[in-house]
Amino acid sequence: MNRPITPKEAAGLKQSQIPEEVYNAFNELITKNLRHGYACFRQDDVVKLIKRNMQLNPEMRQELFDIQWLNIEEIYRKAGWKVEYDRPGYNENYPASFSFKWEDKE
């Protein structure tokens, strides 16, 4: 059937296209860095962990960005996290990072 994809279908497909090793890397860093409902870690740390878990060539850094495996914010938001991705802007120089915040609503 030819029809436009719905936002829900697109999100589901995106989630299923990200390898398990990517989720494992993010999950490991979240749990390792979780303090009082908040975890923050550098983008470089998750890239290194993904490359190690998938046994990727060290030069494959750009490919991770090109295939958008690091664009996980919406997926984790739907799982209940407040996710922020911070990267340096023009004329700024600091490491890009992810932060995950969980607030217990109970």
PDB file of N, CA and C in Angstrom:
ATOM      1  N   MET A   1       0.846  -1.165   0.000  1.00  0.00           N
ATOM      2  CA  MET A   1       0.000   0.000   0.000  1.00  0.00           C
ATOM      3  C   MET A   1       0.900   1.240   0.000  1.00  0.00           C
ATOM      4  N   ASN A   2       0.660   2.133  -0.923  1.00  0.00           N
ATOM      5  CA  ASN A   2       1.410   3.382  -1.000  1.00  0.00           C
ATOM      6  C   ASN A   2       0.660   4.471  -0.266  1.00  0.00           C
ATOM      7  N   ARG A   3       1.248   4.956   0.784  1.00  0.00           N
ATOM      8  CA  ARG A   3       0.658   6.031   1.575  1.00  0.00           C
ATOM      9  C   ARG A   3       1.770   6.656   2.403  1.00  0.00           C
ATOM     10  N   PRO A   4       1.540   7.847   2.895  1.00  0.00           N
ATOM     11  CA  PRO A   4       2.550   8.468   3.752  1.00  0.00           C
ATOM     12  C   PRO A   4       2.704   7.696   5.060  1.00  0.00           C
ATOM     13  N   ILE A   5       3.890   7.697   5.574  1.00  0.00           N
ATOM     14  CA  ILE A   5       4.145   7.067   6.860  1.00  0.00           C
ATOM     15  C   ILE A   5       3.658   8.005   7.970  1.00  0.00           C
ATOM     16  N   THR A   6       3.096   7.427   9.007  1.00  0.00           N
ATOM     17  CA  THR A   6       2.637   8.246  10.133  1.00  0.00           C
ATOM     18  C   THR A   6       3.821   8.533  11.062  1.00  0.00           C
ATOM     19  N   PRO A   7       3.717   9.583  11.869  1.00  0.00           N
ATOM     20  CA  PRO A   7       4.799   9.859  12.823  1.00  0.00           C
ATOM     21  C   PRO A   7       5.066   8.681  13.754  1.00  0.00           C
ATOM     22  N   LYS A   8       4.012   8.009  14.202  1.00  0.00           N
ATOM     23  CA  LYS A   8       4.178   6.863  15.093  1.00  0.00           C
ATOM     24  C   LYS A   8       4.922   5.726  14.388  1.00  0.00           C
ATOM     25  N   GLU A   9       4.565   5.467  13.126  1.00  0.00           N
ATOM     26  CA  GLU A   9       5.250   4.425  12.360  1.00  0.00           C
ATOM     27  C   GLU A   9       6.724   4.787  12.151  1.00  0.00           C
ATOM     28  N   ALA A  10       6.992   6.048  11.832  1.00  0.00           N
ATOM     29  CA  ALA A  10       8.363   6.490  11.605  1.00  0.00           C
ATOM     30  C   ALA A  10       9.200   6.322  12.865  1.00  0.00           C
ATOM     31  N   ALA A  11       8.646   6.717  14.013  1.00  0.00           N
ATOM     32  CA  ALA A  11       9.373   6.578  15.276  1.00  0.00           C
ATOM     33  C   ALA A  11       9.650   5.109  15.585  1.00  0.00           C
ATOM     34  N   GLY A  12       8.673   4.248  15.323  1.00  0.00           N
ATOM     35  CA  GLY A  12       8.859   2.816  15.554  1.00  0.00           C
ATOM     36  C   GLY A  12       9.919   2.229  14.653  1.00  0.00           C
ATOM     37  N   LEU A  13       9.921   2.640  13.387  1.00  0.00           N
ATOM     38  CA  LEU A  13      10.938   2.150  12.457  1.00  0.00           C
ATOM     39  C   LEU A  13      12.320   2.644  12.851  1.00  0.00           C
ATOM     40  N   LYS A  14      12.427   3.901  13.226  1.00  0.00           N
ATOM     41  CA  LYS A  14      13.717   4.435  13.636  1.00  0.00           C
ATOM     42  C   LYS A  14      14.250   3.660  14.835  1.00  0.00           C
ATOM     43  N   GLN A  15      13.382   3.416  15.801  1.00  0.00           N
ATOM     44  CA  GLN A  15      13.796   2.691  16.995  1.00  0.00           C
ATOM     45  C   GLN A  15      14.292   1.288  16.645  1.00  0.00           C
ATOM     46  N   SER A  16      13.630   0.622  15.722  1.00  0.00           N
ATOM     47  CA  SER A  16      14.021  -0.744  15.370  1.00  0.00           C
ATOM     48  C   SER A  16      15.274  -0.790  14.500  1.00  0.00           C
ATOM     49  N   GLN A  17      15.658   0.333  13.894  1.00  0.00           N
ATOM     50  CA  GLN A  17      16.843   0.360  13.039  1.00  0.00           C
ATOM     51  C   GLN A  17      18.131   0.621  13.808  1.00  0.00           C
ATOM     52  N   ILE A  18      18.002   1.020  15.053  1.00  0.00           N
ATOM     53  CA  ILE A  18      19.182   1.265  15.878  1.00  0.00           C
ATOM     54  C   ILE A  18      19.606  -0.060  16.502  1.00  0.00           C
ATOM     55  N   PRO A  19      20.871  -0.441  16.323  1.00  0.00           N
ATOM     56  CA  PRO A  19      21.324  -1.726  16.849  1.00  0.00           C
ATOM     57  C   PRO A  19      21.282  -1.799  18.377  1.00  0.00           C
ATOM     58  N   GLU A  20      21.143  -3.000  18.877  1.00  0.00           N
ATOM     59  CA  GLU A  20      21.093  -3.261  20.310  1.00  0.00           C
ATOM     60  C   GLU A  20      22.331  -2.722  21.021  1.00  0.00           C
ATOM     61  N   GLU A  21      23.478  -2.803  20.370  1.00  0.00           N
ATOM     62  CA  GLU A  21      24.724  -2.335  20.979  1.00  0.00           C
ATOM     63  C   GLU A  21      24.705  -0.836  21.276  1.00  0.00           C
ATOM     64  N   VAL A  22      23.957  -0.080  20.478  1.00  0.00           N
ATOM     65  CA  VAL A  22      23.840   1.366  20.712  1.00  0.00           C
ATOM     66  C   VAL A  22      23.038   1.608  21.986  1.00  0.00           C
ATOM     67  N   TYR A  23      21.890   0.928  22.102  1.00  0.00           N
ATOM     68  CA  TYR A  23      21.087   1.053  23.326  1.00  0.00           C
ATOM     69  C   TYR A  23      21.891   0.587  24.540  1.00  0.00           C
ATOM     70  N   ASN A  24      22.627  -0.509  24.387  1.00  0.00           N
ATOM     71  CA  ASN A  24      23.429  -1.022  25.493  1.00  0.00           C
ATOM     72  C   ASN A  24      24.461   0.009  25.951  1.00  0.00           C
ATOM     73  N   ALA A  25      25.081   0.708  25.007  1.00  0.00           N
ATOM     74  CA  ALA A  25      26.077   1.725  25.351  1.00  0.00           C
ATOM     75  C   ALA A  25      25.425   2.879  26.123  1.00  0.00           C
ATOM     76  N   PHE A  26      24.306   3.386  25.619  1.00  0.00           N
ATOM     77  CA  PHE A  26      23.611   4.463  26.329  1.00  0.00           C
ATOM     78  C   PHE A  26      23.144   3.994  27.702  1.00  0.00           C
ATOM     79  N   ASN A  27      22.557   2.804  27.771  1.00  0.00           N
ATOM     80  CA  ASN A  27      22.050   2.290  29.042  1.00  0.00           C
ATOM     81  C   ASN A  27      23.178   2.108  30.061  1.00  0.00           C
ATOM     82  N   GLU A  28      24.318   1.618  29.597  1.00  0.00           N
ATOM     83  CA  GLU A  28      25.458   1.429  30.492  1.00  0.00           C
ATOM     84  C   GLU A  28      25.939   2.766  31.058  1.00  0.00           C
ATOM     85  N   LEU A  29      26.028   3.775  30.196  1.00  0.00           N
ATOM     86  CA  LEU A  29      26.497   5.080  30.666  1.00  0.00           C
ATOM     87  C   LEU A  29      25.467   5.777  31.544  1.00  0.00           C
ATOM     88  N   ILE A  30      24.190   5.574  31.247  1.00  0.00           N
ATOM     89  CA  ILE A  30      23.154   6.146  32.119  1.00  0.00           C
ATOM     90  C   ILE A  30      23.276   5.549  33.515  1.00  0.00           C
ATOM     91  N   THR A  31      23.318   4.224  33.619  1.00  0.00           N
ATOM     92  CA  THR A  31      23.371   3.590  34.934  1.00  0.00           C
ATOM     93  C   THR A  31      24.690   3.877  35.644  1.00  0.00           C
ATOM     94  N   LYS A  32      25.772   3.928  34.910  1.00  0.00           N
ATOM     95  CA  LYS A  32      27.080   4.215  35.509  1.00  0.00           C
ATOM     96  C   LYS A  32      27.123   5.628  36.085  1.00  0.00           C
ATOM     97  N   ASN A  33      26.476   6.575  35.433  1.00  0.00           N
ATOM     98  CA  ASN A  33      26.552   7.982  35.828  1.00  0.00           C
ATOM     99  C   ASN A  33      25.326   8.485  36.579  1.00  0.00           C
ATOM    100  N   LEU A  34      24.361   7.624  36.848  1.00  0.00           N
ATOM    101  CA  LEU A  34      23.112   8.046  37.477  1.00  0.00           C
ATOM    102  C   LEU A  34      23.327   8.413  38.943  1.00  0.00           C
ATOM    103  N   ARG A  35      22.983   9.641  39.275  1.00  0.00           N
ATOM    104  CA  ARG A  35      23.050  10.149  40.641  1.00  0.00           C
ATOM    105  C   ARG A  35      21.810  10.983  40.890  1.00  0.00           C
ATOM    106  N   HIS A  36      21.016  10.585  41.869  1.00  0.00           N
ATOM    107  CA  HIS A  36      19.835  11.352  42.270  1.00  0.00           C
ATOM    108  C   HIS A  36      18.905  11.629  41.081  1.00  0.00           C
ATOM    109  N   GLY A  37      18.710  10.628  40.246  1.00  0.00           N
ATOM    110  CA  GLY A  37      17.789  10.760  39.127  1.00  0.00           C
ATOM    111  C   GLY A  37      18.348  11.503  37.928  1.00  0.00           C
ATOM    112  N   TYR A  38      19.654  11.725  37.890  1.00  0.00           N
ATOM    113  CA  TYR A  38      20.272  12.501  36.810  1.00  0.00           C
ATOM    114  C   TYR A  38      21.561  11.825  36.359  1.00  0.00           C
ATOM    115  N   ALA A  39      21.734  11.697  35.043  1.00  0.00           N
ATOM    116  CA  ALA A  39      22.972  11.145  34.477  1.00  0.00           C
ATOM    117  C   ALA A  39      23.437  12.038  33.346  1.00  0.00           C
ATOM    118  N   CYS A  40      24.724  12.308  33.327  1.00  0.00           N
ATOM    119  CA  CYS A  40      25.300  13.128  32.266  1.00  0.00           C
ATOM    120  C   CYS A  40      26.618  12.486  31.841  1.00  0.00           C
ATOM    121  N   PHE A  41      26.853  12.444  30.531  1.00  0.00           N
ATOM    122  CA  PHE A  41      28.101  11.893  30.018  1.00  0.00           C
ATOM    123  C   PHE A  41      28.405  12.495  28.657  1.00  0.00           C
ATOM    124  N   ARG A  42      29.655  12.413  28.288  1.00  0.00           N
ATOM    125  CA  ARG A  42      30.119  12.999  27.031  1.00  0.00           C
ATOM    126  C   ARG A  42      29.725  12.139  25.833  1.00  0.00           C
ATOM    127  N   GLN A  43      29.475  12.808  24.748  1.00  0.00           N
ATOM    128  CA  GLN A  43      29.183  12.115  23.493  1.00  0.00           C
ATOM    129  C   GLN A  43      30.347  11.216  23.104  1.00  0.00           C
ATOM    130  N   ASP A  44      31.576  11.674  23.314  1.00  0.00           N
ATOM    131  CA  ASP A  44      32.749  10.865  22.967  1.00  0.00           C
ATOM    132  C   ASP A  44      32.765   9.541  23.723  1.00  0.00           C
ATOM    133  N   ASP A  45      32.286   9.548  24.969  1.00  0.00           N
ATOM    134  CA  ASP A  45      32.267   8.304  25.746  1.00  0.00           C
ATOM    135  C   ASP A  45      31.296   7.288  25.156  1.00  0.00           C
ATOM    136  N   VAL A  46      30.134   7.750  24.723  1.00  0.00           N
ATOM    137  CA  VAL A  46      29.164   6.818  24.137  1.00  0.00           C
ATOM    138  C   VAL A  46      29.654   6.337  22.766  1.00  0.00           C
ATOM    139  N   VAL A  47      30.313   7.202  22.006  1.00  0.00           N
ATOM    140  CA  VAL A  47      30.860   6.790  20.707  1.00  0.00           C
ATOM    141  C   VAL A  47      31.913   5.705  20.906  1.00  0.00           C
ATOM    142  N   LYS A  48      32.824   5.903  21.861  1.00  0.00           N
ATOM    143  CA  LYS A  48      33.861   4.899  22.140  1.00  0.00           C
ATOM    144  C   LYS A  48      33.248   3.566  22.548  1.00  0.00           C
ATOM    145  N   LEU A  49      32.226   3.632  23.383  1.00  0.00           N
ATOM    146  CA  LEU A  49      31.586   2.407  23.860  1.00  0.00           C
ATOM    147  C   LEU A  49      30.851   1.687  22.727  1.00  0.00           C
ATOM    148  N   ILE A  50      30.171   2.422  21.879  1.00  0.00           N
ATOM    149  CA  ILE A  50      29.490   1.809  20.730  1.00  0.00           C
ATOM    150  C   ILE A  50      30.511   1.140  19.819  1.00  0.00           C
ATOM    151  N   LYS A  51      31.580   1.850  19.513  1.00  0.00           N
ATOM    152  CA  LYS A  51      32.611   1.280  18.629  1.00  0.00           C
ATOM    153  C   LYS A  51      33.226   0.031  19.246  1.00  0.00           C
ATOM    154  N   ARG A  52      33.444   0.051  20.554  1.00  0.00           N
ATOM    155  CA  ARG A  52      33.999  -1.131  21.221  1.00  0.00           C
ATOM    156  C   ARG A  52      33.006  -2.289  21.195  1.00  0.00           C
ATOM    157  N   ASN A  53      31.745  -2.007  21.549  1.00  0.00           N
ATOM    158  CA  ASN A  53      30.727  -3.062  21.598  1.00  0.00           C
ATOM    159  C   ASN A  53      30.467  -3.681  20.231  1.00  0.00           C
ATOM    160  N   MET A  54      30.569  -2.875  19.186  1.00  0.00           N
ATOM    161  CA  MET A  54      30.296  -3.373  17.832  1.00  0.00           C
ATOM    162  C   MET A  54      31.571  -3.773  17.097  1.00  0.00           C
ATOM    163  N   GLN A  55      32.709  -3.631  17.774  1.00  0.00           N
ATOM    164  CA  GLN A  55      34.005  -3.941  17.176  1.00  0.00           C
ATOM    165  C   GLN A  55      34.193  -3.193  15.859  1.00  0.00           C
ATOM    166  N   LEU A  56      33.898  -1.888  15.898  1.00  0.00           N
ATOM    167  CA  LEU A  56      34.016  -1.048  14.715  1.00  0.00           C
ATOM    168  C   LEU A  56      35.420  -0.481  14.603  1.00  0.00           C
ATOM    169  N   ASN A  57      35.800  -0.192  13.397  1.00  0.00           N
ATOM    170  CA  ASN A  57      37.062   0.449  13.095  1.00  0.00           C
ATOM    171  C   ASN A  57      37.078   1.832  13.750  1.00  0.00           C
ATOM    172  N   PRO A  58      38.191   2.244  14.357  1.00  0.00           N
ATOM    173  CA  PRO A  58      38.256   3.560  15.006  1.00  0.00           C
ATOM    174  C   PRO A  58      37.907   4.726  14.083  1.00  0.00           C
ATOM    175  N   GLU A  59      38.129   4.574  12.800  1.00  0.00           N
ATOM    176  CA  GLU A  59      37.817   5.645  11.854  1.00  0.00           C
ATOM    177  C   GLU A  59      36.328   5.763  11.550  1.00  0.00           C
ATOM    178  N   MET A  60      35.505   4.897  12.092  1.00  0.00           N
ATOM    179  CA  MET A  60      34.075   4.882  11.764  1.00  0.00           C
ATOM    180  C   MET A  60      33.257   5.869  12.588  1.00  0.00           C
ATOM    181  N   ARG A  61      33.876   6.809  13.253  1.00  0.00           N
ATOM    182  CA  ARG A  61      33.168   7.795  14.072  1.00  0.00           C
ATOM    183  C   ARG A  61      32.127   8.553  13.253  1.00  0.00           C
ATOM    184  N   GLN A  62      32.516   9.085  12.115  1.00  0.00           N
ATOM    185  CA  GLN A  62      31.598   9.894  11.308  1.00  0.00           C
ATOM    186  C   GLN A  62      30.403   9.075  10.817  1.00  0.00           C
ATOM    187  N   GLU A  63      30.612   7.808  10.546  1.00  0.00           N
ATOM    188  CA  GLU A  63      29.523   6.958  10.090  1.00  0.00           C
ATOM    189  C   GLU A  63      28.428   6.841  11.142  1.00  0.00           C
ATOM    190  N   LEU A  64      28.808   6.836  12.421  1.00  0.00           N
ATOM    191  CA  LEU A  64      27.798   6.783  13.485  1.00  0.00           C
ATOM    192  C   LEU A  64      26.878   7.996  13.429  1.00  0.00           C
ATOM    193  N   PHE A  65      27.440   9.137  13.071  1.00  0.00           N
ATOM    194  CA  PHE A  65      26.644  10.356  12.951  1.00  0.00           C
ATOM    195  C   PHE A  65      25.825  10.339  11.661  1.00  0.00           C
ATOM    196  N   ASP A  66      26.444   9.878  10.585  1.00  0.00           N
ATOM    197  CA  ASP A  66      25.763   9.855   9.284  1.00  0.00           C
ATOM    198  C   ASP A  66      24.520   8.963   9.299  1.00  0.00           C
ATOM    199  N   ILE A  67      24.591   7.837   9.990  1.00  0.00           N
ATOM    200  CA  ILE A  67      23.439   6.938  10.042  1.00  0.00           C
ATOM    201  C   ILE A  67      22.513   7.261  11.209  1.00  0.00           C
ATOM    202  N   GLN A  68      22.847   8.294  11.958  1.00  0.00           N
ATOM    203  CA  GLN A  68      22.000   8.868  13.007  1.00  0.00           C
ATOM    204  C   GLN A  68      21.713   7.910  14.161  1.00  0.00           C
ATOM    205  N   TRP A  69      22.658   7.060  14.494  1.00  0.00           N
ATOM    206  CA  TRP A  69      22.464   6.162  15.609  1.00  0.00           C
ATOM    207  C   TRP A  69      22.536   6.877  16.951  1.00  0.00           C
ATOM    208  N   LEU A  70      23.081   8.089  16.968  1.00  0.00           N
ATOM    209  CA  LEU A  70      23.168   8.826  18.230  1.00  0.00           C
ATOM    210  C   LEU A  70      21.947   9.712  18.466  1.00  0.00           C
ATOM    211  N   ASN A  71      21.043   9.761  17.527  1.00  0.00           N
ATOM    212  CA  ASN A  71      19.826  10.564  17.675  1.00  0.00           C
ATOM    213  C   ASN A  71      18.756   9.761  18.410  1.00  0.00           C
ATOM    214  N   ILE A  72      18.969   9.599  19.685  1.00  0.00           N
ATOM    215  CA  ILE A  72      18.122   8.722  20.497  1.00  0.00           C
ATOM    216  C   ILE A  72      17.210   9.488  21.455  1.00  0.00           C
ATOM    217  N   GLU A  73      17.282  10.812  21.405  1.00  0.00           N
ATOM    218  CA  GLU A  73      16.578  11.618  22.391  1.00  0.00           C
ATOM    219  C   GLU A  73      15.090  11.284  22.480  1.00  0.00           C
ATOM    220  N   GLU A  74      14.402  11.281  21.362  1.00  0.00           N
ATOM    221  CA  GLU A  74      12.952  11.024  21.365  1.00  0.00           C
ATOM    222  C   GLU A  74      12.627   9.625  21.874  1.00  0.00           C
ATOM    223  N   ILE A  75      13.448   8.669  21.539  1.00  0.00           N
ATOM    224  CA  ILE A  75      13.215   7.286  21.970  1.00  0.00           C
ATOM    225  C   ILE A  75      13.280   7.193  23.493  1.00  0.00           C
ATOM    226  N   TYR A  76      14.286   7.815  24.073  1.00  0.00           N
ATOM    227  CA  TYR A  76      14.416   7.779  25.530  1.00  0.00           C
ATOM    228  C   TYR A  76      13.372   8.664  26.204  1.00  0.00           C
ATOM    229  N   ARG A  77      12.957   9.727  25.553  1.00  0.00           N
ATOM    230  CA  ARG A  77      11.872  10.554  26.118  1.00  0.00           C
ATOM    231  C   ARG A  77      10.590   9.739  26.228  1.00  0.00           C
ATOM    232  N   LYS A  78      10.311   8.952  25.199  1.00  0.00           N
ATOM    233  CA  LYS A  78       9.114   8.109  25.232  1.00  0.00           C
ATOM    234  C   LYS A  78       9.217   7.039  26.310  1.00  0.00           C
ATOM    235  N   ALA A  79      10.443   6.711  26.713  1.00  0.00           N
ATOM    236  CA  ALA A  79      10.648   5.731  27.786  1.00  0.00           C
ATOM    237  C   ALA A  79      10.569   6.381  29.163  1.00  0.00           C
ATOM    238  N   GLY A  80      10.394   7.712  29.206  1.00  0.00           N
ATOM    239  CA  GLY A  80      10.201   8.379  30.483  1.00  0.00           C
ATOM    240  C   GLY A  80      11.321   9.295  30.941  1.00  0.00           C
ATOM    241  N   TRP A  81      12.357   9.451  30.143  1.00  0.00           N
ATOM    242  CA  TRP A  81      13.479  10.318  30.505  1.00  0.00           C
ATOM    243  C   TRP A  81      13.282  11.724  29.948  1.00  0.00           C
ATOM    244  N   LYS A  82      13.804  12.704  30.652  1.00  0.00           N
ATOM    245  CA  LYS A  82      13.991  14.039  30.092  1.00  0.00           C
ATOM    246  C   LYS A  82      15.409  14.032  29.537  1.00  0.00           C
ATOM    247  N   VAL A  83      15.536  14.202  28.232  1.00  0.00           N
ATOM    248  CA  VAL A  83      16.842  14.072  27.590  1.00  0.00           C
ATOM    249  C   VAL A  83      17.241  15.405  26.983  1.00  0.00           C
ATOM    250  N   GLU A  84      18.488  15.777  27.213  1.00  0.00           N
ATOM    251  CA  GLU A  84      19.045  16.964  26.581  1.00  0.00           C
ATOM    252  C   GLU A  84      20.370  16.600  25.941  1.00  0.00           C
ATOM    253  N   TYR A  85      20.566  17.131  24.751  1.00  0.00           N
ATOM    254  CA  TYR A  85      21.832  16.976  24.049  1.00  0.00           C
ATOM    255  C   TYR A  85      22.427  18.365  23.931  1.00  0.00           C
ATOM    256  N   ASP A  86      23.640  18.535  24.404  1.00  0.00           N
ATOM    257  CA  ASP A  86      24.299  19.836  24.378  1.00  0.00           C
ATOM    258  C   ASP A  86      25.585  19.722  23.581  1.00  0.00           C
ATOM    259  N   ARG A  87      25.711  20.589  22.615  1.00  0.00           N
ATOM    260  CA  ARG A  87      26.942  20.617  21.821  1.00  0.00           C
ATOM    261  C   ARG A  87      27.376  22.067  21.666  1.00  0.00           C
ATOM    262  N   PRO A  88      28.659  22.265  21.435  1.00  0.00           N
ATOM    263  CA  PRO A  88      29.138  23.639  21.323  1.00  0.00           C
ATOM    264  C   PRO A  88      28.567  24.339  20.093  1.00  0.00           C
ATOM    265  N   GLY A  89      28.269  25.595  20.274  1.00  0.00           N
ATOM    266  CA  GLY A  89      27.813  26.422  19.166  1.00  0.00           C
ATOM    267  C   GLY A  89      28.980  27.108  18.499  1.00  0.00           C
ATOM    268  N   TYR A  90      28.661  28.009  17.638  1.00  0.00           N
ATOM    269  CA  TYR A  90      29.672  28.773  16.928  1.00  0.00           C
ATOM    270  C   TYR A  90      30.570  29.490  17.936  1.00  0.00           C
ATOM    271  N   ASN A  91      31.861  29.398  17.750  1.00  0.00           N
ATOM    272  CA  ASN A  91      32.864  30.034  18.616  1.00  0.00           C
ATOM    273  C   ASN A  91      32.873  29.495  20.045  1.00  0.00           C
ATOM    274  N   GLU A  92      32.317  28.316  20.270  1.00  0.00           N
ATOM    275  CA  GLU A  92      32.380  27.680  21.579  1.00  0.00           C
ATOM    276  C   GLU A  92      33.232  26.419  21.460  1.00  0.00           C
ATOM    277  N   ASN A  93      33.848  26.043  22.547  1.00  0.00           N
ATOM    278  CA  ASN A  93      34.720  24.877  22.507  1.00  0.00           C
ATOM    279  C   ASN A  93      34.588  24.092  23.815  1.00  0.00           C
ATOM    280  N   TYR A  94      33.709  23.101  23.811  1.00  0.00           N
ATOM    281  CA  TYR A  94      33.566  22.189  24.940  1.00  0.00           C
ATOM    282  C   TYR A  94      32.993  20.888  24.397  1.00  0.00           C
ATOM    283  N   PRO A  95      33.140  19.795  25.130  1.00  0.00           N
ATOM    284  CA  PRO A  95      32.673  18.505  24.612  1.00  0.00           C
ATOM    285  C   PRO A  95      31.140  18.411  24.589  1.00  0.00           C
ATOM    286  N   ALA A  96      30.619  17.825  23.532  1.00  0.00           N
ATOM    287  CA  ALA A  96      29.179  17.560  23.437  1.00  0.00           C
ATOM    288  C   ALA A  96      28.807  16.526  24.491  1.00  0.00           C
ATOM    289  N   SER A  97      27.582  16.644  25.028  1.00  0.00           N
ATOM    290  CA  SER A  97      27.173  15.719  26.084  1.00  0.00           C
ATOM    291  C   SER A  97      25.681  15.425  26.010  1.00  0.00           C
ATOM    292  N   PHE A  98      25.323  14.325  26.635  1.00  0.00           N
ATOM    293  CA  PHE A  98      23.933  13.918  26.810  1.00  0.00           C
ATOM    294  C   PHE A  98      23.620  13.991  28.297  1.00  0.00           C
ATOM    295  N   SER A  99      22.432  14.446  28.627  1.00  0.00           N
ATOM    296  CA  SER A  99      21.978  14.371  30.019  1.00  0.00           C
ATOM    297  C   SER A  99      20.595  13.740  30.040  1.00  0.00           C
ATOM    298  N   PHE A 100      20.396  12.893  31.023  1.00  0.00           N
ATOM    299  CA  PHE A 100      19.145  12.162  31.213  1.00  0.00           C
ATOM    300  C   PHE A 100      18.669  12.459  32.620  1.00  0.00           C
ATOM    301  N   LYS A 101      17.418  12.882  32.732  1.00  0.00           N
ATOM    302  CA  LYS A 101      16.862  13.176  34.049  1.00  0.00           C
ATOM    303  C   LYS A 101      15.570  12.396  34.215  1.00  0.00           C
ATOM    304  N   TRP A 102      15.459  11.800  35.371  1.00  0.00           N
ATOM    305  CA  TRP A 102      14.243  11.041  35.688  1.00  0.00           C
ATOM    306  C   TRP A 102      13.631  11.647  36.924  1.00  0.00           C
ATOM    307  N   GLU A 103      12.374  11.954  36.805  1.00  0.00           N
ATOM    308  CA  GLU A 103      11.657  12.475  37.959  1.00  0.00           C
ATOM    309  C   GLU A 103      10.558  11.500  38.322  1.00  0.00           C
ATOM    310  N   ASP A 104      10.610  11.030  39.536  1.00  0.00           N
ATOM    311  CA  ASP A 104       9.604  10.089  40.013  1.00  0.00           C
ATOM    312  C   ASP A 104       8.284  10.831  40.199  1.00  0.00           C
ATOM    313  N   LYS A 105       7.295  10.434  39.445  1.00  0.00           N
ATOM    314  CA  LYS A 105       5.984  11.103  39.483  1.00  0.00           C
ATOM    315  C   LYS A 105       5.062  10.504  40.533  1.00  0.00           C
ATOM    316  N   GLU A 106       5.492   9.441  41.197  1.00  0.00           N
ATOM    317  CA  GLU A 106       4.619   8.757  42.155  1.00  0.00           C
ATOM    318  C   GLU A 106       4.595   9.457  43.492  1.00  0.00           C
TER     319      GLU A 106
END
